[in-house]
N, C-alpha and C. Protein backbone atom coordinates (compact mmCIF):
# COMPACT_ATOMS: atom_id res chain seq x y z
N UNK A 1 -41.80 9.42 42.64
CA UNK A 1 -40.89 9.31 43.60
C UNK A 1 -41.32 8.16 44.71
N UNK A 2 -40.02 7.11 45.09
CA UNK A 2 -40.25 6.23 45.61
C UNK A 2 -39.95 6.54 47.44
N UNK A 3 -40.87 5.91 48.27
CA UNK A 3 -40.23 5.70 49.69
C UNK A 3 -38.93 5.28 50.41
N UNK A 4 -38.37 5.66 50.96
CA UNK A 4 -36.94 4.65 51.54
C UNK A 4 -37.12 3.21 52.10
N UNK A 5 -36.58 2.63 52.01
CA UNK A 5 -37.00 1.12 51.68
C UNK A 5 -37.24 0.93 53.55
N UNK A 6 -36.79 2.21 54.95
CA UNK A 6 -36.60 1.66 55.79
C UNK A 6 -38.09 2.16 56.08
N UNK A 7 -38.62 3.03 55.84
CA UNK A 7 -39.85 3.31 56.28
C UNK A 7 -41.35 2.81 55.59
N UNK A 8 -41.02 2.06 54.29
CA UNK A 8 -42.10 1.33 54.03
C UNK A 8 -42.22 -0.55 54.65
N UNK A 9 -41.02 -0.49 54.97
CA UNK A 9 -40.64 -2.20 55.21
C UNK A 9 -39.59 -1.96 56.37
N UNK A 10 -40.07 -1.30 57.82
CA UNK A 10 -39.20 -0.89 58.99
C UNK A 10 -38.13 -2.54 59.35
N UNK A 11 -39.18 -3.36 59.74
CA UNK A 11 -39.01 -4.96 59.99
C UNK A 11 -37.64 -5.80 59.28
N UNK A 12 -38.28 -5.49 58.02
CA UNK A 12 -37.24 -6.33 57.33
C UNK A 12 -35.85 -5.42 56.74
N UNK A 13 -36.28 -4.03 57.00
CA UNK A 13 -34.35 -3.39 56.82
C UNK A 13 -33.92 -3.30 57.94
N UNK A 14 -34.41 -4.03 59.49
CA UNK A 14 -33.92 -3.83 60.57
C UNK A 14 -33.11 -5.16 60.50
N UNK A 15 -34.02 -6.35 59.87
CA UNK A 15 -32.99 -7.52 59.54
C UNK A 15 -31.96 -7.74 58.80
N UNK A 16 -32.40 -6.93 57.42
CA UNK A 16 -31.29 -6.78 56.81
C UNK A 16 -29.86 -5.97 57.42
N UNK A 17 -30.41 -5.06 57.82
CA UNK A 17 -29.18 -4.36 58.75
C UNK A 17 -28.53 -5.06 59.88
N UNK A 18 -28.90 -5.97 60.61
CA UNK A 18 -28.74 -6.84 61.58
C UNK A 18 -27.31 -7.62 60.74
N UNK A 19 -27.58 -8.75 59.61
CA UNK A 19 -26.79 -9.01 59.09
C UNK A 19 -25.56 -8.41 58.12
N UNK A 20 -26.26 -7.63 57.63
CA UNK A 20 -24.73 -6.97 56.82
C UNK A 20 -24.61 -6.04 57.49
N UNK A 21 -24.95 -5.33 58.09
CA UNK A 21 -24.06 -3.98 59.07
C UNK A 21 -24.35 -4.21 60.56
N UNK A 22 -24.04 -5.37 61.45
CA UNK A 22 -24.30 -5.55 62.77
C UNK A 22 -23.29 -4.99 63.53
N UNK A 23 -22.14 -4.36 63.33
CA UNK A 23 -21.82 -3.15 64.42
C UNK A 23 -22.52 -1.89 64.25
N UNK A 24 -22.96 -1.46 63.42
CA UNK A 24 -24.18 -0.22 63.11
C UNK A 24 -25.37 -0.74 63.69
N UNK A 25 -25.73 -1.81 63.61
CA UNK A 25 -27.27 -2.27 64.04
C UNK A 25 -27.02 -2.36 65.35
N UNK A 26 -26.24 -2.84 66.00
CA UNK A 26 -26.01 -3.52 67.53
C UNK A 26 -25.94 -1.98 68.70
N UNK A 27 -24.63 -0.99 67.86
CA UNK A 27 -24.50 -0.10 68.78
C UNK A 27 -25.89 0.71 68.49
N UNK A 28 -26.41 1.18 67.50
CA UNK A 28 -27.64 1.57 67.44
C UNK A 28 -28.48 1.15 68.69
N UNK A 29 -28.86 -0.44 68.44
CA UNK A 29 -29.94 -0.83 69.67
C UNK A 29 -29.20 -0.58 71.24
N UNK A 30 -27.93 -0.76 71.05
CA UNK A 30 -27.25 -0.13 72.17
C UNK A 30 -27.90 1.07 73.07
N UNK A 31 -27.37 2.01 72.72
CA UNK A 31 -27.48 3.42 72.20
C UNK A 31 -28.97 3.83 72.58
N UNK A 32 -29.66 3.41 71.96
CA UNK A 32 -31.11 3.36 72.23
C UNK A 32 -31.87 2.94 73.46
N UNK A 33 -31.25 2.17 74.17
CA UNK A 33 -31.56 2.19 75.51
C UNK A 33 -31.42 2.72 76.73
N UNK A 34 -30.47 3.88 76.30
CA UNK A 34 -29.84 4.81 77.50
C UNK A 34 -30.56 5.47 77.95
N UNK A 35 -32.14 6.37 76.48
CA UNK A 35 -32.62 7.09 77.46
C UNK A 35 -34.02 6.08 78.18
N UNK A 36 -33.89 5.15 77.36
CA UNK A 36 -35.30 4.28 78.55
C UNK A 36 -34.72 3.83 79.48
N UNK A 37 -33.40 3.46 80.02
CA UNK A 37 -32.67 3.42 81.70
C UNK A 37 -32.69 4.46 82.68
N UNK A 38 -32.54 5.81 81.57
CA UNK A 38 -32.36 6.55 82.51
C UNK A 38 -33.63 6.84 83.34
N UNK A 39 -34.69 6.24 82.62
CA UNK A 39 -36.04 6.72 83.20
C UNK A 39 -36.66 5.30 83.78
N UNK A 40 -36.33 4.57 83.92
CA UNK A 40 -36.76 2.93 84.11
C UNK A 40 -35.96 2.73 85.21
N UNK A 41 -34.31 2.61 85.57
CA UNK A 41 -33.61 2.10 86.27
C UNK A 41 -33.80 2.91 87.79
N UNK A 42 -33.96 4.01 87.98
CA UNK A 42 -33.92 4.40 89.42
C UNK A 42 -35.02 3.50 90.67
N UNK A 43 -36.65 3.28 89.87
CA UNK A 43 -37.31 2.71 90.73
C UNK A 43 -36.92 1.44 90.42
N UNK A 44 -36.13 0.78 89.39
CA UNK A 44 -35.76 -0.59 89.88
C UNK A 44 -34.81 -0.91 90.94
N UNK A 45 -33.78 0.44 91.06
CA UNK A 45 -32.80 -0.04 91.96
C UNK A 45 -33.44 0.03 93.26
N UNK A 46 -34.44 1.20 93.35
CA UNK A 46 -34.70 0.98 94.96
C UNK A 46 -35.76 -0.10 95.24
N UNK A 47 -36.29 -1.04 94.02
CA UNK A 47 -37.19 -2.12 94.61
C UNK A 47 -36.23 -3.31 94.89
N UNK A 48 -34.91 -3.35 94.73
CA UNK A 48 -33.91 -4.03 94.89
C UNK A 48 -33.06 -3.68 96.33
N UNK A 49 -33.37 -2.71 96.69
CA UNK A 49 -33.30 -1.98 98.29
C UNK A 49 -31.72 -1.44 98.09
N UNK A 50 -31.25 -0.96 96.59
CA UNK A 50 -30.19 0.18 96.45
C UNK A 50 -30.48 1.24 96.80
N UNK A 51 -30.33 1.99 98.15
CA UNK A 51 -30.49 3.41 98.58
C UNK A 51 -29.40 4.21 97.65
N UNK A 52 -29.80 5.78 97.99
CA UNK A 52 -28.69 6.64 97.17
C UNK A 52 -28.12 6.74 98.49
N UNK A 53 -26.52 7.11 98.32
CA UNK A 53 -25.72 7.81 99.18
C UNK A 53 -26.00 9.42 100.17
N UNK A 54 -25.71 8.83 100.95
CA UNK A 54 -25.52 10.28 101.94
C UNK A 54 -25.14 11.50 101.12
N UNK A 55 -25.34 12.82 100.99
CA UNK A 55 -24.82 13.95 100.23
C UNK A 55 -23.58 14.31 100.62
N UNK A 56 -22.38 14.56 99.96
CA UNK A 56 -21.05 14.94 100.24
C UNK A 56 -21.17 16.48 100.89
N UNK A 57 -20.44 16.55 102.21
CA UNK A 57 -20.69 17.73 102.64
C UNK A 57 -19.99 19.10 101.53
N UNK A 58 -20.79 20.01 101.47
CA UNK A 58 -20.28 21.10 101.09
C UNK A 58 -19.28 22.12 101.90
N UNK A 59 -18.96 21.95 103.06
CA UNK A 59 -17.96 22.66 103.73
C UNK A 59 -17.79 22.14 104.98
N UNK A 60 -16.50 22.28 105.35
CA UNK A 60 -15.79 21.12 106.45
C UNK A 60 -16.28 22.04 108.04
N UNK A 61 -16.58 20.98 108.75
CA UNK A 61 -17.12 21.26 110.02
C UNK A 61 -16.24 22.48 111.01
N UNK A 62 -16.41 23.77 111.17
CA UNK A 62 -15.82 24.45 111.97
C UNK A 62 -15.70 24.01 113.67
N UNK A 63 -14.66 23.64 114.25
CA UNK A 63 -14.54 23.35 115.57
C UNK A 63 -14.88 24.56 116.70
N UNK A 64 -15.70 24.47 117.49
CA UNK A 64 -15.43 25.58 118.73
C UNK A 64 -14.88 25.90 119.67
N UNK A 65 -14.25 26.86 120.04
CA UNK A 65 -13.24 27.00 121.28
C UNK A 65 -11.93 27.22 120.15
N UNK A 66 -10.83 27.70 121.20
CA UNK A 66 -9.36 27.60 120.76
C UNK A 66 -9.27 26.33 119.94
N UNK A 67 -7.99 26.51 119.12
CA UNK A 67 -7.33 25.91 118.45
C UNK A 67 -6.16 25.24 119.41
N UNK A 68 -5.92 23.93 119.48
CA UNK A 68 -4.92 23.19 120.47
C UNK A 68 -3.79 22.98 119.33
N UNK A 69 -2.93 23.51 119.66
CA UNK A 69 -1.49 23.63 119.03
C UNK A 69 -0.87 22.24 119.19
N UNK A 70 -0.44 21.77 118.33
CA UNK A 70 0.24 20.47 118.57
C UNK A 70 1.76 20.76 119.55
N UNK A 71 2.07 19.41 120.44
CA UNK A 71 3.70 20.17 121.23
C UNK A 71 4.19 18.71 120.51
N UNK A 72 5.48 19.23 120.52
CA UNK A 72 6.69 18.08 120.00
C UNK A 72 7.00 18.31 118.56
N UNK A 73 6.44 18.74 117.91
CA UNK A 73 7.12 19.25 116.79
C UNK A 73 8.10 20.16 116.58
N UNK A 74 8.67 21.16 117.22
CA UNK A 74 9.12 22.22 117.08
C UNK A 74 10.81 21.68 116.68
N UNK A 75 11.14 22.54 115.40
CA UNK A 75 12.38 22.30 115.10
C UNK A 75 13.40 23.12 116.20
N UNK A 76 14.41 22.30 116.73
CA UNK A 76 15.08 23.24 117.99
C UNK A 76 16.29 22.60 117.70
């Protein structure tokens, strides 16, 4: 039983794939950077001064006191 070509010579296989099947090869390269950027990007952003925005309020502030009813909009 022979070993698959990728596991016996990975760099040679990757070179072949980049020439013969470039769309698949480069899509895998870009897709494999996603998990790496998930870990590496937040510290890089903070280093360059990008701050996280303030959290969005989850409720509307309820005013104190009686409700002021607008005047001048009645249908008469």
